[in-house]
Amino acid sequence: MDLLAALQAFLADDPDDPFTRFALAQEHARRGADADALATYEALVASHPDYVGTYYHLGKLLDRLGRRADAHAAYRSGIAAATRAGDAHARAELQSALLDDDA
């Protein structure tokens, strides 16, 4: 069984697990399945808005897809989530991504 199939099986067993959903989005992105990655990241943000790790990768994908304003919105939402979580490292990473994208 390949990784994508394994992750889909894990998600079927526990559809509310944010880590599995995140890993699935990452695998879609790694395979170049941008539409699937985007849909999975967006579903994760909708169901688990405090899963901070999602926002950086969602922003990078949106930026790569030429959706700069949406990427900025993702980074800003991530900064807010990281602030709520007290995750200074993630907040700094997201702020840096936002500033780098503005350059």
PDB file of N, CA and C in Angstrom:
ATOM      1  N   MET A   1       0.858  -1.180   0.000  1.00  0.00           N
ATOM      2  CA  MET A   1       0.000   0.000   0.000  1.00  0.00           C
ATOM      3  C   MET A   1       0.899   1.236   0.000  1.00  0.00           C
ATOM      4  N   ASP A   2       0.614   2.171  -0.881  1.00  0.00           N
ATOM      5  CA  ASP A   2       1.437   3.380  -0.912  1.00  0.00           C
ATOM      6  C   ASP A   2       0.965   4.360   0.162  1.00  0.00           C
ATOM      7  N   LEU A   3       1.741   5.406   0.370  1.00  0.00           N
ATOM      8  CA  LEU A   3       1.466   6.362   1.437  1.00  0.00           C
ATOM      9  C   LEU A   3       0.111   7.031   1.271  1.00  0.00           C
ATOM     10  N   LEU A   4      -0.228   7.432   0.061  1.00  0.00           N
ATOM     11  CA  LEU A   4      -1.515   8.090  -0.173  1.00  0.00           C
ATOM     12  C   LEU A   4      -2.666   7.168   0.232  1.00  0.00           C
ATOM     13  N   ALA A   5      -2.617   5.930  -0.186  1.00  0.00           N
ATOM     14  CA  ALA A   5      -3.672   4.973   0.154  1.00  0.00           C
ATOM     15  C   ALA A   5      -3.715   4.731   1.662  1.00  0.00           C
ATOM     16  N   ALA A   6      -2.555   4.652   2.289  1.00  0.00           N
ATOM     17  CA  ALA A   6      -2.505   4.446   3.741  1.00  0.00           C
ATOM     18  C   ALA A   6      -3.130   5.632   4.472  1.00  0.00           C
ATOM     19  N   LEU A   7      -2.790   6.841   4.044  1.00  0.00           N
ATOM     20  CA  LEU A   7      -3.359   8.026   4.691  1.00  0.00           C
ATOM     21  C   LEU A   7      -4.864   8.102   4.496  1.00  0.00           C
ATOM     22  N   GLN A   8      -5.332   7.746   3.315  1.00  0.00           N
ATOM     23  CA  GLN A   8      -6.776   7.740   3.058  1.00  0.00           C
ATOM     24  C   GLN A   8      -7.476   6.702   3.936  1.00  0.00           C
ATOM     25  N   ALA A   9      -6.826   5.568   4.158  1.00  0.00           N
ATOM     26  CA  ALA A   9      -7.392   4.546   5.043  1.00  0.00           C
ATOM     27  C   ALA A   9      -7.426   5.041   6.489  1.00  0.00           C
ATOM     28  N   PHE A  10      -6.353   5.673   6.928  1.00  0.00           N
ATOM     29  CA  PHE A  10      -6.320   6.236   8.282  1.00  0.00           C
ATOM     30  C   PHE A  10      -7.431   7.274   8.453  1.00  0.00           C
ATOM     31  N   LEU A  11      -7.612   8.112   7.447  1.00  0.00           N
ATOM     32  CA  LEU A  11      -8.632   9.153   7.514  1.00  0.00           C
ATOM     33  C   LEU A  11     -10.033   8.534   7.543  1.00  0.00           C
ATOM     34  N   ALA A  12     -10.226   7.459   6.815  1.00  0.00           N
ATOM     35  CA  ALA A  12     -11.523   6.772   6.839  1.00  0.00           C
ATOM     36  C   ALA A  12     -11.808   6.215   8.234  1.00  0.00           C
ATOM     37  N   ASP A  13     -10.762   5.748   8.909  1.00  0.00           N
ATOM     38  CA  ASP A  13     -10.919   5.218  10.265  1.00  0.00           C
ATOM     39  C   ASP A  13     -11.182   6.315  11.285  1.00  0.00           C
ATOM     40  N   ASP A  14     -10.575   7.485  11.082  1.00  0.00           N
ATOM     41  CA  ASP A  14     -10.724   8.604  12.015  1.00  0.00           C
ATOM     42  C   ASP A  14     -10.793   9.907  11.231  1.00  0.00           C
ATOM     43  N   PRO A  15     -11.960  10.217  10.678  1.00  0.00           N
ATOM     44  CA  PRO A  15     -12.084  11.378   9.792  1.00  0.00           C
ATOM     45  C   PRO A  15     -11.859  12.725  10.471  1.00  0.00           C
ATOM     46  N   ASP A  16     -11.823  12.749  11.797  1.00  0.00           N
ATOM     47  CA  ASP A  16     -11.627  14.015  12.496  1.00  0.00           C
ATOM     48  C   ASP A  16     -10.182  14.220  12.956  1.00  0.00           C
ATOM     49  N   ASP A  17      -9.270  13.340  12.562  1.00  0.00           N
ATOM     50  CA  ASP A  17      -7.878  13.459  12.998  1.00  0.00           C
ATOM     51  C   ASP A  17      -7.158  14.518  12.174  1.00  0.00           C
ATOM     52  N   PRO A  18      -6.796  15.655  12.796  1.00  0.00           N
ATOM     53  CA  PRO A  18      -6.167  16.719  12.017  1.00  0.00           C
ATOM     54  C   PRO A  18      -4.788  16.347  11.489  1.00  0.00           C
ATOM     55  N   PHE A  19      -4.030  15.546  12.231  1.00  0.00           N
ATOM     56  CA  PHE A  19      -2.700  15.188  11.744  1.00  0.00           C
ATOM     57  C   PHE A  19      -2.798  14.368  10.463  1.00  0.00           C
ATOM     58  N   THR A  20      -3.702  13.423  10.414  1.00  0.00           N
ATOM     59  CA  THR A  20      -3.858  12.601   9.209  1.00  0.00           C
ATOM     60  C   THR A  20      -4.310  13.461   8.035  1.00  0.00           C
ATOM     61  N   ARG A  21      -5.243  14.375   8.285  1.00  0.00           N
ATOM     62  CA  ARG A  21      -5.715  15.265   7.213  1.00  0.00           C
ATOM     63  C   ARG A  21      -4.561  16.133   6.705  1.00  0.00           C
ATOM     64  N   PHE A  22      -3.739  16.640   7.630  1.00  0.00           N
ATOM     65  CA  PHE A  22      -2.581  17.450   7.254  1.00  0.00           C
ATOM     66  C   PHE A  22      -1.586  16.615   6.428  1.00  0.00           C
ATOM     67  N   ALA A  23      -1.294  15.416   6.894  1.00  0.00           N
ATOM     68  CA  ALA A  23      -0.361  14.539   6.176  1.00  0.00           C
ATOM     69  C   ALA A  23      -0.894  14.201   4.780  1.00  0.00           C
ATOM     70  N   LEU A  24      -2.193  14.025   4.668  1.00  0.00           N
ATOM     71  CA  LEU A  24      -2.803  13.745   3.365  1.00  0.00           C
ATOM     72  C   LEU A  24      -2.637  14.940   2.424  1.00  0.00           C
ATOM     73  N   ALA A  25      -2.869  16.142   2.948  1.00  0.00           N
ATOM     74  CA  ALA A  25      -2.670  17.347   2.125  1.00  0.00           C
ATOM     75  C   ALA A  25      -1.222  17.448   1.667  1.00  0.00           C
ATOM     76  N   GLN A  26      -0.309  17.168   2.566  1.00  0.00           N
ATOM     77  CA  GLN A  26       1.120  17.227   2.229  1.00  0.00           C
ATOM     78  C   GLN A  26       1.463  16.213   1.137  1.00  0.00           C
ATOM     79  N   GLU A  27       0.898  15.037   1.237  1.00  0.00           N
ATOM     80  CA  GLU A  27       1.178  14.005   0.232  1.00  0.00           C
ATOM     81  C   GLU A  27       0.594  14.394  -1.125  1.00  0.00           C
ATOM     82  N   HIS A  28      -0.605  14.967  -1.121  1.00  0.00           N
ATOM     83  CA  HIS A  28      -1.167  15.449  -2.382  1.00  0.00           C
ATOM     84  C   HIS A  28      -0.244  16.511  -2.997  1.00  0.00           C
ATOM     85  N   ALA A  29       0.214  17.442  -2.173  1.00  0.00           N
ATOM     86  CA  ALA A  29       1.098  18.506  -2.661  1.00  0.00           C
ATOM     87  C   ALA A  29       2.403  17.922  -3.196  1.00  0.00           C
ATOM     88  N   ARG A  30       2.943  16.954  -2.487  1.00  0.00           N
ATOM     89  CA  ARG A  30       4.200  16.322  -2.916  1.00  0.00           C
ATOM     90  C   ARG A  30       4.046  15.660  -4.281  1.00  0.00           C
ATOM     91  N   ARG A  31       2.864  15.143  -4.548  1.00  0.00           N
ATOM     92  CA  ARG A  31       2.591  14.468  -5.814  1.00  0.00           C
ATOM     93  C   ARG A  31       2.172  15.439  -6.920  1.00  0.00           C
ATOM     94  N   GLY A  32       2.049  16.727  -6.573  1.00  0.00           N
ATOM     95  CA  GLY A  32       1.639  17.714  -7.569  1.00  0.00           C
ATOM     96  C   GLY A  32       0.143  17.777  -7.793  1.00  0.00           C
ATOM     97  N   ALA A  33      -0.621  17.157  -6.915  1.00  0.00           N
ATOM     98  CA  ALA A  33      -2.084  17.174  -7.008  1.00  0.00           C
ATOM     99  C   ALA A  33      -2.582  18.405  -6.241  1.00  0.00           C
ATOM    100  N   ASP A  34      -2.339  19.573  -6.845  1.00  0.00           N
ATOM    101  CA  ASP A  34      -2.612  20.831  -6.152  1.00  0.00           C
ATOM    102  C   ASP A  34      -4.072  20.998  -5.764  1.00  0.00           C
ATOM    103  N   ALA A  35      -4.989  20.631  -6.623  1.00  0.00           N
ATOM    104  CA  ALA A  35      -6.419  20.789  -6.308  1.00  0.00           C
ATOM    105  C   ALA A  35      -6.799  19.939  -5.094  1.00  0.00           C
ATOM    106  N   ASP A  36      -6.295  18.713  -5.043  1.00  0.00           N
ATOM    107  CA  ASP A  36      -6.577  17.838  -3.900  1.00  0.00           C
ATOM    108  C   ASP A  36      -5.913  18.376  -2.633  1.00  0.00           C
ATOM    109  N   ALA A  37      -4.681  18.857  -2.763  1.00  0.00           N
ATOM    110  CA  ALA A  37      -3.980  19.430  -1.608  1.00  0.00           C
ATOM    111  C   ALA A  37      -4.739  20.639  -1.086  1.00  0.00           C
ATOM    112  N   LEU A  38      -5.140  21.516  -1.991  1.00  0.00           N
ATOM    113  CA  LEU A  38      -5.858  22.721  -1.596  1.00  0.00           C
ATOM    114  C   LEU A  38      -7.171  22.377  -0.895  1.00  0.00           C
ATOM    115  N   ALA A  39      -7.932  21.477  -1.465  1.00  0.00           N
ATOM    116  CA  ALA A  39      -9.208  21.084  -0.857  1.00  0.00           C
ATOM    117  C   ALA A  39      -8.990  20.479   0.527  1.00  0.00           C
ATOM    118  N   THR A  40      -7.940  19.703   0.675  1.00  0.00           N
ATOM    119  CA  THR A  40      -7.670  19.060   1.964  1.00  0.00           C
ATOM    120  C   THR A  40      -7.208  20.077   2.996  1.00  0.00           C
ATOM    121  N   TYR A  41      -6.312  20.995   2.599  1.00  0.00           N
ATOM    122  CA  TYR A  41      -5.911  22.068   3.522  1.00  0.00           C
ATOM    123  C   TYR A  41      -7.109  22.916   3.935  1.00  0.00           C
ATOM    124  N   GLU A  42      -7.936  23.283   2.971  1.00  0.00           N
ATOM    125  CA  GLU A  42      -9.093  24.135   3.275  1.00  0.00           C
ATOM    126  C   GLU A  42     -10.081  23.426   4.196  1.00  0.00           C
ATOM    127  N   ALA A  43     -10.286  22.142   3.998  1.00  0.00           N
ATOM    128  CA  ALA A  43     -11.162  21.372   4.889  1.00  0.00           C
ATOM    129  C   ALA A  43     -10.571  21.309   6.293  1.00  0.00           C
ATOM    130  N   LEU A  44      -9.262  21.186   6.374  1.00  0.00           N
ATOM    131  CA  LEU A  44      -8.602  21.146   7.675  1.00  0.00           C
ATOM    132  C   LEU A  44      -8.739  22.477   8.401  1.00  0.00           C
ATOM    133  N   VAL A  45      -8.559  23.579   7.691  1.00  0.00           N
ATOM    134  CA  VAL A  45      -8.724  24.900   8.299  1.00  0.00           C
ATOM    135  C   VAL A  45     -10.166  25.079   8.778  1.00  0.00           C
ATOM    136  N   ALA A  46     -11.115  24.614   7.999  1.00  0.00           N
ATOM    137  CA  ALA A  46     -12.529  24.747   8.375  1.00  0.00           C
ATOM    138  C   ALA A  46     -12.870  23.916   9.611  1.00  0.00           C
ATOM    139  N   SER A  47     -12.329  22.711   9.684  1.00  0.00           N
ATOM    140  CA  SER A  47     -12.686  21.817  10.793  1.00  0.00           C
ATOM    141  C   SER A  47     -11.786  21.976  12.021  1.00  0.00           C
ATOM    142  N   HIS A  48     -10.560  22.423  11.804  1.00  0.00           N
ATOM    143  CA  HIS A  48      -9.589  22.571  12.899  1.00  0.00           C
ATOM    144  C   HIS A  48      -8.815  23.875  12.724  1.00  0.00           C
ATOM    145  N   PRO A  49      -9.472  25.008  12.947  1.00  0.00           N
ATOM    146  CA  PRO A  49      -8.809  26.297  12.698  1.00  0.00           C
ATOM    147  C   PRO A  49      -7.605  26.564  13.599  1.00  0.00           C
ATOM    148  N   ASP A  50      -7.468  25.816  14.668  1.00  0.00           N
ATOM    149  CA  ASP A  50      -6.322  26.018  15.551  1.00  0.00           C
ATOM    150  C   ASP A  50      -5.176  25.045  15.271  1.00  0.00           C
ATOM    151  N   TYR A  51      -5.265  24.281  14.190  1.00  0.00           N
ATOM    152  CA  TYR A  51      -4.151  23.408  13.790  1.00  0.00           C
ATOM    153  C   TYR A  51      -3.162  24.283  13.020  1.00  0.00           C
ATOM    154  N   VAL A  52      -2.259  24.880  13.766  1.00  0.00           N
ATOM    155  CA  VAL A  52      -1.411  25.980  13.287  1.00  0.00           C
ATOM    156  C   VAL A  52      -0.566  25.605  12.075  1.00  0.00           C
ATOM    157  N   GLY A  53      -0.074  24.390  12.017  1.00  0.00           N
ATOM    158  CA  GLY A  53       0.831  23.997  10.941  1.00  0.00           C
ATOM    159  C   GLY A  53       0.244  24.087   9.548  1.00  0.00           C
ATOM    160  N   THR A  54      -1.055  24.097   9.453  1.00  0.00           N
ATOM    161  CA  THR A  54      -1.727  24.120   8.150  1.00  0.00           C
ATOM    162  C   THR A  54      -1.485  25.418   7.390  1.00  0.00           C
ATOM    163  N   TYR A  55      -1.493  26.531   8.094  1.00  0.00           N
ATOM    164  CA  TYR A  55      -1.552  27.834   7.441  1.00  0.00           C
ATOM    165  C   TYR A  55      -0.329  28.158   6.590  1.00  0.00           C
ATOM    166  N   TYR A  56       0.849  27.802   7.051  1.00  0.00           N
ATOM    167  CA  TYR A  56       2.067  28.071   6.291  1.00  0.00           C
ATOM    168  C   TYR A  56       2.011  27.337   4.946  1.00  0.00           C
ATOM    169  N   HIS A  57       1.679  26.068   5.005  1.00  0.00           N
ATOM    170  CA  HIS A  57       1.665  25.254   3.785  1.00  0.00           C
ATOM    171  C   HIS A  57       0.516  25.648   2.858  1.00  0.00           C
ATOM    172  N   LEU A  58      -0.620  25.979   3.439  1.00  0.00           N
ATOM    173  CA  LEU A  58      -1.733  26.476   2.630  1.00  0.00           C
ATOM    174  C   LEU A  58      -1.326  27.773   1.935  1.00  0.00           C
ATOM    175  N   GLY A  59      -0.706  28.684   2.661  1.00  0.00           N
ATOM    176  CA  GLY A  59      -0.261  29.947   2.072  1.00  0.00           C
ATOM    177  C   GLY A  59       0.732  29.735   0.944  1.00  0.00           C
ATOM    178  N   LYS A  60       1.701  28.859   1.160  1.00  0.00           N
ATOM    179  CA  LYS A  60       2.698  28.586   0.123  1.00  0.00           C
ATOM    180  C   LYS A  60       2.045  28.002  -1.136  1.00  0.00           C
ATOM    181  N   LEU A  61       1.088  27.098  -0.945  1.00  0.00           N
ATOM    182  CA  LEU A  61       0.391  26.515  -2.090  1.00  0.00           C
ATOM    183  C   LEU A  61      -0.401  27.586  -2.831  1.00  0.00           C
ATOM    184  N   LEU A  62      -1.142  28.390  -2.097  1.00  0.00           N
ATOM    185  CA  LEU A  62      -1.914  29.452  -2.732  1.00  0.00           C
ATOM    186  C   LEU A  62      -1.012  30.419  -3.491  1.00  0.00           C
ATOM    187  N   ASP A  63       0.119  30.751  -2.899  1.00  0.00           N
ATOM    188  CA  ASP A  63       1.062  31.646  -3.565  1.00  0.00           C
ATOM    189  C   ASP A  63       1.579  31.014  -4.859  1.00  0.00           C
ATOM    190  N   ARG A  64       1.909  29.740  -4.807  1.00  0.00           N
ATOM    191  CA  ARG A  64       2.403  29.036  -5.990  1.00  0.00           C
ATOM    192  C   ARG A  64       1.335  28.975  -7.077  1.00  0.00           C
ATOM    193  N   LEU A  65       0.070  28.965  -6.662  1.00  0.00           N
ATOM    194  CA  LEU A  65      -1.038  28.932  -7.615  1.00  0.00           C
ATOM    195  C   LEU A  65      -1.396  30.322  -8.135  1.00  0.00           C
ATOM    196  N   GLY A  66      -0.631  31.324  -7.704  1.00  0.00           N
ATOM    197  CA  GLY A  66      -0.865  32.684  -8.168  1.00  0.00           C
ATOM    198  C   GLY A  66      -1.977  33.402  -7.427  1.00  0.00           C
ATOM    199  N   ARG A  67      -2.372  32.869  -6.302  1.00  0.00           N
ATOM    200  CA  ARG A  67      -3.452  33.455  -5.505  1.00  0.00           C
ATOM    201  C   ARG A  67      -2.845  34.197  -4.310  1.00  0.00           C
ATOM    202  N   ARG A  68      -2.142  35.251  -4.631  1.00  0.00           N
ATOM    203  CA  ARG A  68      -1.359  35.973  -3.619  1.00  0.00           C
ATOM    204  C   ARG A  68      -2.218  36.545  -2.492  1.00  0.00           C
ATOM    205  N   ALA A  69      -3.339  37.161  -2.813  1.00  0.00           N
ATOM    206  CA  ALA A  69      -4.208  37.726  -1.775  1.00  0.00           C
ATOM    207  C   ALA A  69      -4.721  36.626  -0.840  1.00  0.00           C
ATOM    208  N   ASP A  70      -5.069  35.473  -1.407  1.00  0.00           N
ATOM    209  CA  ASP A  70      -5.531  34.356  -0.586  1.00  0.00           C
ATOM    210  C   ASP A  70      -4.391  33.807   0.270  1.00  0.00           C
ATOM    211  N   ALA A  71      -3.186  33.793  -0.282  1.00  0.00           N
ATOM    212  CA  ALA A  71      -2.017  33.360   0.491  1.00  0.00           C
ATOM    213  C   ALA A  71      -1.809  34.279   1.684  1.00  0.00           C
ATOM    214  N   HIS A  72      -1.902  35.569   1.452  1.00  0.00           N
ATOM    215  CA  HIS A  72      -1.739  36.540   2.544  1.00  0.00           C
ATOM    216  C   HIS A  72      -2.806  36.332   3.614  1.00  0.00           C
ATOM    217  N   ALA A  73      -4.030  36.075   3.183  1.00  0.00           N
ATOM    218  CA  ALA A  73      -5.111  35.825   4.140  1.00  0.00           C
ATOM    219  C   ALA A  73      -4.826  34.572   4.962  1.00  0.00           C
ATOM    220  N   ALA A  74      -4.285  33.543   4.315  1.00  0.00           N
ATOM    221  CA  ALA A  74      -3.942  32.311   5.033  1.00  0.00           C
ATOM    222  C   ALA A  74      -2.846  32.588   6.060  1.00  0.00           C
ATOM    223  N   TYR A  75      -1.821  33.334   5.662  1.00  0.00           N
ATOM    224  CA  TYR A  75      -0.753  33.664   6.614  1.00  0.00           C
ATOM    225  C   TYR A  75      -1.307  34.460   7.793  1.00  0.00           C
ATOM    226  N   ARG A  76      -2.161  35.433   7.508  1.00  0.00           N
ATOM    227  CA  ARG A  76      -2.737  36.250   8.596  1.00  0.00           C
ATOM    228  C   ARG A  76      -3.602  35.402   9.529  1.00  0.00           C
ATOM    229  N   SER A  77      -4.385  34.509   8.968  1.00  0.00           N
ATOM    230  CA  SER A  77      -5.193  33.609   9.804  1.00  0.00           C
ATOM    231  C   SER A  77      -4.296  32.711  10.641  1.00  0.00           C
ATOM    232  N   GLY A  78      -3.209  32.267  10.057  1.00  0.00           N
ATOM    233  CA  GLY A  78      -2.252  31.446  10.788  1.00  0.00           C
ATOM    234  C   GLY A  78      -1.576  32.205  11.910  1.00  0.00           C
ATOM    235  N   ILE A  79      -1.245  33.461  11.660  1.00  0.00           N
ATOM    236  CA  ILE A  79      -0.646  34.302  12.703  1.00  0.00           C
ATOM    237  C   ILE A  79      -1.619  34.416  13.881  1.00  0.00           C
ATOM    238  N   ALA A  80      -2.894  34.626  13.579  1.00  0.00           N
ATOM    239  CA  ALA A  80      -3.905  34.707  14.639  1.00  0.00           C
ATOM    240  C   ALA A  80      -4.015  33.382  15.394  1.00  0.00           C
ATOM    241  N   ALA A  81      -4.019  32.264  14.674  1.00  0.00           N
ATOM    242  CA  ALA A  81      -4.103  30.948  15.316  1.00  0.00           C
ATOM    243  C   ALA A  81      -2.876  30.677  16.170  1.00  0.00           C
ATOM    244  N   ALA A  82      -1.705  31.031  15.666  1.00  0.00           N
ATOM    245  CA  ALA A  82      -0.469  30.827  16.423  1.00  0.00           C
ATOM    246  C   ALA A  82      -0.452  31.698  17.677  1.00  0.00           C
ATOM    247  N   THR A  83      -0.966  32.903  17.555  1.00  0.00           N
ATOM    248  CA  THR A  83      -1.046  33.799  18.709  1.00  0.00           C
ATOM    249  C   THR A  83      -1.965  33.207  19.769  1.00  0.00           C
ATOM    250  N   ARG A  84      -3.129  32.713  19.347  1.00  0.00           N
ATOM    251  CA  ARG A  84      -4.064  32.081  20.291  1.00  0.00           C
ATOM    252  C   ARG A  84      -3.430  30.874  20.977  1.00  0.00           C
ATOM    253  N   ALA A  85      -2.631  30.136  20.212  1.00  0.00           N
ATOM    254  CA  ALA A  85      -2.003  28.921  20.740  1.00  0.00           C
ATOM    255  C   ALA A  85      -0.749  29.214  21.549  1.00  0.00           C
ATOM    256  N   GLY A  86      -0.275  30.440  21.507  1.00  0.00           N
ATOM    257  CA  GLY A  86       0.970  30.774  22.197  1.00  0.00           C
ATOM    258  C   GLY A  86       2.189  30.167  21.526  1.00  0.00           C
ATOM    259  N   ASP A  87       2.099  29.930  20.221  1.00  0.00           N
ATOM    260  CA  ASP A  87       3.187  29.311  19.455  1.00  0.00           C
ATOM    261  C   ASP A  87       4.000  30.404  18.760  1.00  0.00           C
ATOM    262  N   ALA A  88       4.993  30.918  19.488  1.00  0.00           N
ATOM    263  CA  ALA A  88       5.798  32.031  18.976  1.00  0.00           C
ATOM    264  C   ALA A  88       6.600  31.631  17.744  1.00  0.00           C
ATOM    265  N   HIS A  89       7.085  30.403  17.689  1.00  0.00           N
ATOM    266  CA  HIS A  89       7.877  29.951  16.548  1.00  0.00           C
ATOM    267  C   HIS A  89       7.026  29.952  15.266  1.00  0.00           C
ATOM    268  N   ALA A  90       5.850  29.361  15.343  1.00  0.00           N
ATOM    269  CA  ALA A  90       4.973  29.318  14.167  1.00  0.00           C
ATOM    270  C   ALA A  90       4.550  30.730  13.770  1.00  0.00           C
ATOM    271  N   ARG A  91       4.266  31.551  14.757  1.00  0.00           N
ATOM    272  CA  ARG A  91       3.874  32.929  14.452  1.00  0.00           C
ATOM    273  C   ARG A  91       4.986  33.648  13.695  1.00  0.00           C
ATOM    274  N   ALA A  92       6.221  33.502  14.158  1.00  0.00           N
ATOM    275  CA  ALA A  92       7.360  34.155  13.493  1.00  0.00           C
ATOM    276  C   ALA A  92       7.543  33.613  12.078  1.00  0.00           C
ATOM    277  N   GLU A  93       7.370  32.323  11.902  1.00  0.00           N
ATOM    278  CA  GLU A  93       7.509  31.711  10.577  1.00  0.00           C
ATOM    279  C   GLU A  93       6.442  32.248   9.626  1.00  0.00           C
ATOM    280  N   LEU A  94       5.226  32.368  10.105  1.00  0.00           N
ATOM    281  CA  LEU A  94       4.140  32.890   9.281  1.00  0.00           C
ATOM    282  C   LEU A  94       4.333  34.379   8.970  1.00  0.00           C
ATOM    283  N   GLN A  95       4.794  35.138   9.944  1.00  0.00           N
ATOM    284  CA  GLN A  95       5.062  36.556   9.718  1.00  0.00           C
ATOM    285  C   GLN A  95       6.172  36.716   8.670  1.00  0.00           C
ATOM    286  N   SER A  96       7.182  35.882   8.771  1.00  0.00           N
ATOM    287  CA  SER A  96       8.279  35.924   7.812  1.00  0.00           C
ATOM    288  C   SER A  96       7.787  35.590   6.403  1.00  0.00           C
ATOM    289  N   ALA A  97       6.927  34.564   6.306  1.00  0.00           N
ATOM    290  CA  ALA A  97       6.372  34.199   4.989  1.00  0.00           C
ATOM    291  C   ALA A  97       5.559  35.337   4.407  1.00  0.00           C
ATOM    292  N   LEU A  98       4.801  36.018   5.248  1.00  0.00           N
ATOM    293  CA  LEU A  98       3.989  37.144   4.795  1.00  0.00           C
ATOM    294  C   LEU A  98       4.881  38.289   4.326  1.00  0.00           C
ATOM    295  N   LEU A  99       5.901  38.601   5.097  1.00  0.00           N
ATOM    296  CA  LEU A  99       6.820  39.682   4.717  1.00  0.00           C
ATOM    297  C   LEU A  99       7.618  39.338   3.470  1.00  0.00           C
ATOM    298  N   ASP A 100       8.084  38.087   3.373  1.00  0.00           N
ATOM    299  CA  ASP A 100       8.850  37.660   2.193  1.00  0.00           C
ATOM    300  C   ASP A 100       7.983  37.749   0.950  1.00  0.00           C
ATOM    301  N   ASP A 101       6.711  37.423   1.086  1.00  0.00           N
ATOM    302  CA  ASP A 101       5.809  37.449  -0.055  1.00  0.00           C
ATOM    303  C   ASP A 101       5.484  38.883  -0.479  1.00  0.00           C
ATOM    304  N   ASP A 102       5.574  39.820   0.469  1.00  0.00           N
ATOM    305  CA  ASP A 102       5.327  41.218   0.150  1.00  0.00           C
ATOM    306  C   ASP A 102       6.514  41.867  -0.562  1.00  0.00           C
ATOM    307  N   ALA A 103       7.680  41.260  -0.409  1.00  0.00           N
ATOM    308  CA  ALA A 103       8.895  41.848  -0.983  1.00  0.00           C
ATOM    309  C   ALA A 103       8.913  41.780  -2.483  1.00  0.00           C
TER     310      ALA A 103
END
